[in-house]
PDB file of N, CA and C in Angstrom:
ATOM      1  N   MET A   1      98.226 104.940 107.015  1.00  0.00           N
ATOM      2  CA  MET A   1      99.188 104.528 107.993  1.00  0.00           C
ATOM      3  C   MET A   1     100.333 103.737 107.383  1.00  0.00           C
ATOM      4  N   PHE A   2     100.168 103.288 106.136  1.00  0.00           N
ATOM      5  CA  PHE A   2     101.239 102.540 105.474  1.00  0.00           C
ATOM      6  C   PHE A   2     102.147 103.451 104.644  1.00  0.00           C
ATOM      7  N   ASP A   3     101.915 104.754 104.718  1.00  0.00           N
ATOM      8  CA  ASP A   3     102.739 105.693 103.963  1.00  0.00           C
ATOM      9  C   ASP A   3     104.092 105.878 104.635  1.00  0.00           C
ATOM     10  N   LYS A   4     105.111 106.043 103.810  1.00  0.00           N
ATOM     11  CA  LYS A   4     106.456 106.266 104.321  1.00  0.00           C
ATOM     12  C   LYS A   4     106.481 107.559 105.128  1.00  0.00           C
ATOM     13  N   GLY A   5     106.949 107.486 106.362  1.00  0.00           N
ATOM     14  CA  GLY A   5     107.052 108.652 107.223  1.00  0.00           C
ATOM     15  C   GLY A   5     105.843 108.907 108.106  1.00  0.00           C
ATOM     16  N   TYR A   6     104.779 108.111 107.969  1.00  0.00           N
ATOM     17  CA  TYR A   6     103.578 108.309 108.782  1.00  0.00           C
ATOM     18  C   TYR A   6     103.837 107.884 110.218  1.00  0.00           C
ATOM     19  N   THR A   7     103.554 108.751 111.173  1.00  0.00           N
ATOM     20  CA  THR A   7     103.763 108.414 112.581  1.00  0.00           C
ATOM     21  C   THR A   7     102.488 108.472 113.396  1.00  0.00           C
ATOM     22  N   GLY A   8     101.389 108.927 112.839  1.00  0.00           N
ATOM     23  CA  GLY A   8     100.121 108.921 113.542  1.00  0.00           C
ATOM     24  C   GLY A   8     100.034 109.985 114.620  1.00  0.00           C
ATOM     25  N   TYR A   9      99.020 109.835 115.468  1.00  0.00           N
ATOM     26  CA  TYR A   9      98.747 110.832 116.492  1.00  0.00           C
ATOM     27  C   TYR A   9      98.613 110.187 117.863  1.00  0.00           C
ATOM     28  N   ASN A  10      99.470 109.230 118.155  1.00  0.00           N
ATOM     29  CA  ASN A  10      99.348 108.487 119.412  1.00  0.00           C
ATOM     30  C   ASN A  10     100.381 108.890 120.453  1.00  0.00           C
ATOM     31  N   GLY A  11     100.957 110.064 120.310  1.00  0.00           N
ATOM     32  CA  GLY A  11     101.937 110.509 121.289  1.00  0.00           C
ATOM     33  C   GLY A  11     103.351 110.057 121.007  1.00  0.00           C
ATOM     34  N   ARG A  12     103.575 109.364 119.903  1.00  0.00           N
ATOM     35  CA  ARG A  12     104.924 108.895 119.567  1.00  0.00           C
ATOM     36  C   ARG A  12     105.559 109.763 118.490  1.00  0.00           C
ATOM     37  N   MET A  13     105.079 110.955 118.320  1.00  0.00           N
ATOM     38  CA  MET A  13     105.609 111.844 117.287  1.00  0.00           C
ATOM     39  C   MET A  13     106.828 112.590 117.834  1.00  0.00           C
ATOM     40  N   ASP A  14     107.884 111.859 118.069  1.00  0.00           N
ATOM     41  CA  ASP A  14     109.106 112.477 118.558  1.00  0.00           C
ATOM     42  C   ASP A  14     110.235 112.175 117.588  1.00  0.00           C
ATOM     43  N   LYS A  15     111.429 112.585 117.939  1.00  0.00           N
ATOM     44  CA  LYS A  15     112.575 112.402 117.036  1.00  0.00           C
ATOM     45  C   LYS A  15     112.913 110.929 116.812  1.00  0.00           C
ATOM     46  N   ASN A  16     112.436 110.021 117.674  1.00  0.00           N
ATOM     47  CA  ASN A  16     112.743 108.602 117.527  1.00  0.00           C
ATOM     48  C   ASN A  16     111.767 107.869 116.608  1.00  0.00           C
ATOM     49  N   ALA A  17     110.664 108.495 116.252  1.00  0.00           N
ATOM     50  CA  ALA A  17     109.680 107.859 115.376  1.00  0.00           C
ATOM     51  C   ALA A  17     110.055 108.130 113.927  1.00  0.00           C
ATOM     52  N   SER A  18     110.329 107.065 113.175  1.00  0.00           N
ATOM     53  CA  SER A  18     110.740 107.238 111.785  1.00  0.00           C
ATOM     54  C   SER A  18     109.582 107.087 110.807  1.00  0.00           C
ATOM     55  N   GLY A  19     108.525 106.386 111.222  1.00  0.00           N
ATOM     56  CA  GLY A  19     107.413 106.167 110.309  1.00  0.00           C
ATOM     57  C   GLY A  19     107.736 105.166 109.217  1.00  0.00           C
ATOM     58  N   LEU A  20     108.698 104.292 109.454  1.00  0.00           N
ATOM     59  CA  LEU A  20     109.085 103.305 108.448  1.00  0.00           C
ATOM     60  C   LEU A  20     108.585 101.897 108.732  1.00  0.00           C
ATOM     61  N   GLY A  21     108.208 101.611 109.971  1.00  0.00           N
ATOM     62  CA  GLY A  21     107.847 100.246 110.356  1.00  0.00           C
ATOM     63  C   GLY A  21     106.733  99.635 109.533  1.00  0.00           C
ATOM     64  N   LEU A  22     105.541 100.241 109.543  1.00  0.00           N
ATOM     65  CA  LEU A  22     104.415  99.685 108.792  1.00  0.00           C
ATOM     66  C   LEU A  22     104.609  99.827 107.291  1.00  0.00           C
ATOM     67  N   TYR A  23     105.301 100.875 106.885  1.00  0.00           N
ATOM     68  CA  TYR A  23     105.619 101.048 105.461  1.00  0.00           C
ATOM     69  C   TYR A  23     106.426  99.855 104.952  1.00  0.00           C
ATOM     70  N   LEU A  24     107.469  99.486 105.686  1.00  0.00           N
ATOM     71  CA  LEU A  24     108.308  98.355 105.276  1.00  0.00           C
ATOM     72  C   LEU A  24     107.548  97.027 105.362  1.00  0.00           C
ATOM     73  N   CYS A  25     106.754  96.849 106.408  1.00  0.00           N
ATOM     74  CA  CYS A  25     105.955  95.622 106.535  1.00  0.00           C
ATOM     75  C   CYS A  25     105.028  95.452 105.341  1.00  0.00           C
ATOM     76  N   LYS A  26     104.378  96.523 104.961  1.00  0.00           N
ATOM     77  CA  LYS A  26     103.435  96.470 103.837  1.00  0.00           C
ATOM     78  C   LYS A  26     104.163  96.116 102.537  1.00  0.00           C
ATOM     79  N   ARG A  27     105.326  96.714 102.301  1.00  0.00           N
ATOM     80  CA  ARG A  27     106.080  96.432 101.073  1.00  0.00           C
ATOM     81  C   ARG A  27     106.532  94.973 101.024  1.00  0.00           C
ATOM     82  N   VAL A  28     107.008  94.442 102.153  1.00  0.00           N
ATOM     83  CA  VAL A  28     107.446  93.044 102.206  1.00  0.00           C
ATOM     84  C   VAL A  28     106.262  92.119 101.943  1.00  0.00           C
ATOM     85  N   CYS A  29     105.133  92.401 102.584  1.00  0.00           N
ATOM     86  CA  CYS A  29     103.940  91.575 102.385  1.00  0.00           C
ATOM     87  C   CYS A  29     103.489  91.598 100.929  1.00  0.00           C
ATOM     88  N   GLU A  30     103.528  92.753 100.300  1.00  0.00           N
ATOM     89  CA  GLU A  30     103.142  92.848  98.885  1.00  0.00           C
ATOM     90  C   GLU A  30     104.038  91.972  98.025  1.00  0.00           C
ATOM     91  N   ARG A  31     105.333  91.982  98.297  1.00  0.00           N
ATOM     92  CA  ARG A  31     106.285  91.167  97.521  1.00  0.00           C
ATOM     93  C   ARG A  31     106.045  89.672  97.697  1.00  0.00           C
ATOM     94  N   LEU A  32     105.596  89.283  98.887  1.00  0.00           N
ATOM     95  CA  LEU A  32     105.390  87.871  99.196  1.00  0.00           C
ATOM     96  C   LEU A  32     103.961  87.394  98.921  1.00  0.00           C
ATOM     97  N   GLY A  33     103.095  88.298  98.486  1.00  0.00           N
ATOM     98  CA  GLY A  33     101.715  87.921  98.210  1.00  0.00           C
ATOM     99  C   GLY A  33     100.873  87.751  99.454  1.00  0.00           C
ATOM    100  N   ILE A  34     101.203  88.469 100.497  1.00  0.00           N
ATOM    101  CA  ILE A  34     100.487  88.392 101.767  1.00  0.00           C
ATOM    102  C   ILE A  34      99.667  89.664 101.941  1.00  0.00           C
ATOM    103  N   GLU A  35      98.396  89.521 102.295  1.00  0.00           N
ATOM    104  CA  GLU A  35      97.562  90.687 102.570  1.00  0.00           C
ATOM    105  C   GLU A  35      97.760  91.101 104.021  1.00  0.00           C
ATOM    106  N   LEU A  36      98.019  92.378 104.234  1.00  0.00           N
ATOM    107  CA  LEU A  36      98.241  92.917 105.570  1.00  0.00           C
ATOM    108  C   LEU A  36      97.108  93.877 105.894  1.00  0.00           C
ATOM    109  N   GLY A  37      96.450  93.648 107.014  1.00  0.00           N
ATOM    110  CA  GLY A  37      95.377  94.531 107.449  1.00  0.00           C
ATOM    111  C   GLY A  37      95.543  94.913 108.905  1.00  0.00           C
ATOM    112  N   ILE A  38      95.130  96.129 109.231  1.00  0.00           N
ATOM    113  CA  ILE A  38      95.214  96.599 110.606  1.00  0.00           C
ATOM    114  C   ILE A  38      93.914  97.303 110.964  1.00  0.00           C
ATOM    115  N   SER A  39      93.380  96.950 112.120  1.00  0.00           N
ATOM    116  CA  SER A  39      92.227  97.674 112.649  1.00  0.00           C
ATOM    117  C   SER A  39      92.548  98.036 114.088  1.00  0.00           C
ATOM    118  N   SER A  40      92.095  99.216 114.500  1.00  0.00           N
ATOM    119  CA  SER A  40      92.428  99.696 115.827  1.00  0.00           C
ATOM    120  C   SER A  40      91.245 100.423 116.424  1.00  0.00           C
ATOM    121  N   GLU A  41      91.071 100.219 117.716  1.00  0.00           N
ATOM    122  CA  GLU A  41      90.018 100.902 118.449  1.00  0.00           C
ATOM    123  C   GLU A  41      90.627 101.473 119.717  1.00  0.00           C
ATOM    124  N   GLN A  42      90.473 102.774 119.899  1.00  0.00           N
ATOM    125  CA  GLN A  42      91.054 103.433 121.057  1.00  0.00           C
ATOM    126  C   GLN A  42      90.558 102.797 122.352  1.00  0.00           C
ATOM    127  N   GLU A  43      91.467 102.607 123.261  1.00  0.00           N
ATOM    128  CA  GLU A  43      91.193 101.993 124.573  1.00  0.00           C
ATOM    129  C   GLU A  43      90.937 100.486 124.493  1.00  0.00           C
ATOM    130  N   LYS A  44      90.908  99.908 123.309  1.00  0.00           N
ATOM    131  CA  LYS A  44      90.674  98.465 123.174  1.00  0.00           C
ATOM    132  C   LYS A  44      91.876  97.742 122.597  1.00  0.00           C
ATOM    133  N   GLY A  45      92.610  98.396 121.718  1.00  0.00           N
ATOM    134  CA  GLY A  45      93.790  97.763 121.152  1.00  0.00           C
ATOM    135  C   GLY A  45      93.802  97.759 119.635  1.00  0.00           C
ATOM    136  N   THR A  46      94.794  97.104 119.096  1.00  0.00           N
ATOM    137  CA  THR A  46      95.007  97.031 117.654  1.00  0.00           C
ATOM    138  C   THR A  46      95.096  95.574 117.231  1.00  0.00           C
ATOM    139  N   GLN A  47      94.473  95.258 116.106  1.00  0.00           N
ATOM    140  CA  GLN A  47      94.518  93.903 115.554  1.00  0.00           C
ATOM    141  C   GLN A  47      95.234  93.956 114.214  1.00  0.00           C
ATOM    142  N   VAL A  48      96.257  93.114 114.075  1.00  0.00           N
ATOM    143  CA  VAL A  48      97.000  92.997 112.825  1.00  0.00           C
ATOM    144  C   VAL A  48      96.654  91.653 112.218  1.00  0.00           C
ATOM    145  N   THR A  49      96.268  91.668 110.937  1.00  0.00           N
ATOM    146  CA  THR A  49      95.876  90.442 110.257  1.00  0.00           C
ATOM    147  C   THR A  49      96.773  90.217 109.046  1.00  0.00           C
ATOM    148  N   LEU A  50      97.315  89.016 108.957  1.00  0.00           N
ATOM    149  CA  LEU A  50      98.077  88.596 107.778  1.00  0.00           C
ATOM    150  C   LEU A  50      97.285  87.500 107.087  1.00  0.00           C
ATOM    151  N   ARG A  51      96.999  87.686 105.815  1.00  0.00           N
ATOM    152  CA  ARG A  51      96.248  86.683 105.061  1.00  0.00           C
ATOM    153  C   ARG A  51      97.139  86.164 103.940  1.00  0.00           C
ATOM    154  N   PHE A  52      97.439  84.891 104.014  1.00  0.00           N
ATOM    155  CA  PHE A  52      98.335  84.255 103.057  1.00  0.00           C
ATOM    156  C   PHE A  52      97.525  83.767 101.871  1.00  0.00           C
ATOM    157  N   VAL A  53      97.317  84.649 100.916  1.00  0.00           N
ATOM    158  CA  VAL A  53      96.490  84.377  99.748  1.00  0.00           C
ATOM    159  C   VAL A  53      97.241  83.424  98.815  1.00  0.00           C
ATOM    160  N   GLY A  54      96.566  82.366  98.423  1.00  0.00           N
ATOM    161  CA  GLY A  54      97.157  81.432  97.465  1.00  0.00           C
ATOM    162  C   GLY A  54      98.147  80.457  98.061  1.00  0.00           C
ATOM    163  N   CYS A  55      98.378  80.528  99.342  1.00  0.00           N
ATOM    164  CA  CYS A  55      99.291  79.584  99.997  1.00  0.00           C
ATOM    165  C   CYS A  55      98.528  78.315 100.318  1.00  0.00           C
ATOM    166  N   LEU A  56      99.114  77.211 100.047  1.00  0.00           N
ATOM    167  CA  LEU A  56      98.474  75.941 100.309  1.00  0.00           C
ATOM    168  C   LEU A  56      98.951  75.381 101.650  1.00  0.00           C
ATOM    169  N   PRO A  57      98.068  74.798 102.438  1.00  0.00           N
ATOM    170  CA  PRO A  57      98.496  74.182 103.699  1.00  0.00           C
ATOM    171  C   PRO A  57      99.346  72.946 103.412  1.00  0.00           C
ATOM    172  N   PRO A  58     100.203  72.570 104.350  1.00  0.00           N
ATOM    173  CA  PRO A  58     100.989  71.349 104.173  1.00  0.00           C
ATOM    174  C   PRO A  58     100.074  70.139 104.002  1.00  0.00           C
ATOM    175  N   GLU A  59     100.496  69.196 103.178  1.00  0.00           N
ATOM    176  CA  GLU A  59      99.658  68.017 102.899  1.00  0.00           C
ATOM    177  C   GLU A  59      99.522  67.103 104.112  1.00  0.00           C
ATOM    178  N   ASN A  60     100.571  66.967 104.887  1.00  0.00           N
ATOM    179  CA  ASN A  60     100.545  66.031 106.018  1.00  0.00           C
ATOM    180  C   ASN A  60     100.566  66.796 107.339  1.00  0.00           C
ATOM    181  N   VAL A  61      99.461  67.410 107.652  1.00  0.00           N
ATOM    182  CA  VAL A  61      99.369  68.156 108.904  1.00  0.00           C
ATOM    183  C   VAL A  61      98.970  67.178 110.003  1.00  0.00           C
ATOM    184  N   ALA A  62      99.740  67.169 111.081  1.00  0.00           N
ATOM    185  CA  ALA A  62      99.462  66.240 112.181  1.00  0.00           C
ATOM    186  C   ALA A  62      98.288  66.697 113.007  1.00  0.00           C
TER     187      ALA A  62
END
């Protein structure tokens, strides 16, 4: 689903679907050191997870 031009099989395979959205998100996350994960279950929804690997929390969190 992260391949350039991938549009899936959810009924959005029309002339307006470019298949660039998740491709670009994945490339940006790779550059920033962020892990991007997606899980989906039909009729239940989709979960997008961003994991900030190596990022340190702020020292003075209120």
